[in-house]
C-alpha atoms as a PDB file:
ATOM      1  CA  MET A   1     142.016 130.681  -0.007  1.00  0.00           C
ATOM      2  CA  THR A   2     145.404 129.507   1.364  1.00  0.00           C
ATOM      3  CA  PRO A   3     147.887 128.619  -1.930  1.00  0.00           C
ATOM      4  CA  ARG A   4     148.667 125.788  -3.376  1.00  0.00           C
ATOM      5  CA  CYS A   5     152.458 125.404  -3.085  1.00  0.00           C
ATOM      6  CA  GLU A   6     154.845 122.668  -4.273  1.00  0.00           C
ATOM      7  CA  LYS A   7     157.362 123.065  -1.628  1.00  0.00           C
ATOM      8  CA  LEU A   8     154.257 122.248   0.979  1.00  0.00           C
ATOM      9  CA  GLU A   9     155.538 119.236   3.318  1.00  0.00           C
ATOM     10  CA  SER A  10     159.840 120.315   3.197  1.00  0.00           C
ATOM     11  CA  ASN A  11     158.124 124.351   4.120  1.00  0.00           C
ATOM     12  CA  ARG A  12     156.053 122.345   6.710  1.00  0.00           C
ATOM     13  CA  SER A  13     158.603 120.714   8.935  1.00  0.00           C
ATOM     14  CA  ALA A  14     160.963 123.661   8.493  1.00  0.00           C
ATOM     15  CA  CYS A  15     158.804 125.933   9.156  1.00  0.00           C
ATOM     16  CA  ASN A  16     158.182 126.606  13.733  1.00  0.00           C
ATOM     17  CA  CYS A  17     155.656 128.282  13.593  1.00  0.00           C
ATOM     18  CA  SER A  18     153.779 127.403  17.126  1.00  0.00           C
ATOM     19  CA  TYR A  19     150.113 127.939  15.709  1.00  0.00           C
ATOM     20  CA  GLY A  20     148.611 124.620  15.521  1.00  0.00           C
ATOM     21  CA  GLY A  21     145.332 125.650  13.911  1.00  0.00           C
ATOM     22  CA  CYS A  22     147.164 128.026  11.267  1.00  0.00           C
ATOM     23  CA  PRO A  23     145.503 127.718   7.430  1.00  0.00           C
ATOM     24  CA  ARG A  24     149.456 128.962   6.253  1.00  0.00           C
ATOM     25  CA  HIS A  25     151.317 126.364   7.721  1.00  0.00           C
ATOM     26  CA  GLY A  26     153.713 125.336   4.981  1.00  0.00           C
ATOM     27  CA  THR A  27     152.983 128.224   3.067  1.00  0.00           C
ATOM     28  CA  CYS A  28     155.314 130.658   2.299  1.00  0.00           C
ATOM     29  CA  CYS A  29     153.878 132.907   0.725  1.00  0.00           C
ATOM     30  CA  ALA A  30     150.054 133.172   1.479  1.00  0.00           C
ATOM     31  CA  CYS A  31     151.931 133.319   5.383  1.00  0.00           C
ATOM     32  CA  ILE A  32     154.695 136.222   4.187  1.00  0.00           C
ATOM     33  CA  ARG A  33     151.830 138.252   2.670  1.00  0.00           C
ATOM     34  CA  TYR A  34     149.570 137.508   6.067  1.00  0.00           C
ATOM     35  CA  HIS A  35     151.757 139.068   8.237  1.00  0.00           C
ATOM     36  CA  LEU A  36     152.983 141.818   6.350  1.00  0.00           C
ATOM     37  CA  GLU A  37     149.308 142.793   5.918  1.00  0.00           C
ATOM     38  CA  ASN A  38     149.023 143.006  10.109  1.00  0.00           C
ATOM     39  CA  ARG A  39     152.326 144.671  10.006  1.00  0.00           C
ATOM     40  CA  GLU A  40     154.508 142.001  11.062  1.00  0.00           C
ATOM     41  CA  LEU A  41     156.984 139.358  10.360  1.00  0.00           C
ATOM     42  CA  PRO A  42     156.069 135.590  10.432  1.00  0.00           C
ATOM     43  CA  ALA A  43     157.325 132.819  12.454  1.00  0.00           C
ATOM     44  CA  CYS A  44     160.272 132.115  10.849  1.00  0.00           C
ATOM     45  CA  ALA A  45     161.366 135.803  11.177  1.00  0.00           C
ATOM     46  CA  PHE A  46     162.150 134.870  14.747  1.00  0.00           C
ATOM     47  CA  PRO A  47     164.205 132.347  16.913  1.00  0.00           C
ATOM     48  CA  ASP A  48     161.651 129.655  18.002  1.00  0.00           C
ATOM     49  CA  ASP A  49     161.937 131.071  22.050  1.00  0.00           C
ATOM     50  CA  VAL A  50     160.803 134.350  20.540  1.00  0.00           C
ATOM     51  CA  GLU A  51     157.985 132.826  17.622  1.00  0.00           C
ATOM     52  CA  LYS A  52     156.231 131.701  20.768  1.00  0.00           C
ATOM     53  CA  THR A  53     155.441 135.071  22.593  1.00  0.00           C
ATOM     54  CA  TRP A  54     153.297 135.154  19.851  1.00  0.00           C
ATOM     55  CA  ASP A  55     154.873 138.873  19.435  1.00  0.00           C
ATOM     56  CA  ARG A  56     155.819 138.924  15.756  1.00  0.00           C
ATOM     57  CA  SER A  57     155.828 142.525  15.747  1.00  0.00           C
ATOM     58  CA  PHE A  58     158.744 144.498  13.565  1.00  0.00           C
ATOM     59  CA  LYS A  59     159.809 146.479  17.017  1.00  0.00           C
ATOM     60  CA  ARG A  60     159.812 142.874  18.683  1.00  0.00           C
ATOM     61  CA  PHE A  61     162.378 142.157  15.437  1.00  0.00           C
ATOM     62  CA  ILE A  62     164.116 144.658  16.248  1.00  0.00           C
ATOM     63  CA  GLU A  63     164.754 144.022  20.263  1.00  0.00           C
ATOM     64  CA  THR A  64     165.398 140.441  19.007  1.00  0.00           C
ATOM     65  CA  TYR A  65     168.242 141.037  16.028  1.00  0.00           C
ATOM     66  CA  GLY A  66     169.284 145.675  17.447  1.00  0.00           C
END
């Protein structure tokens, strides 16, 4: 279940996630929890060109910013 978020609309407009069917889109706390549980980072941790690869691993984050 996705929690209710008071800033949902402003979060959605700033979210660069390219997965259209994401039930967590704009609900940052649920998104971060989901991705950390899967040993990865959310889309907002990556520039758009990297995010679109859907490789959100810690390794890809380090390659991008390291």
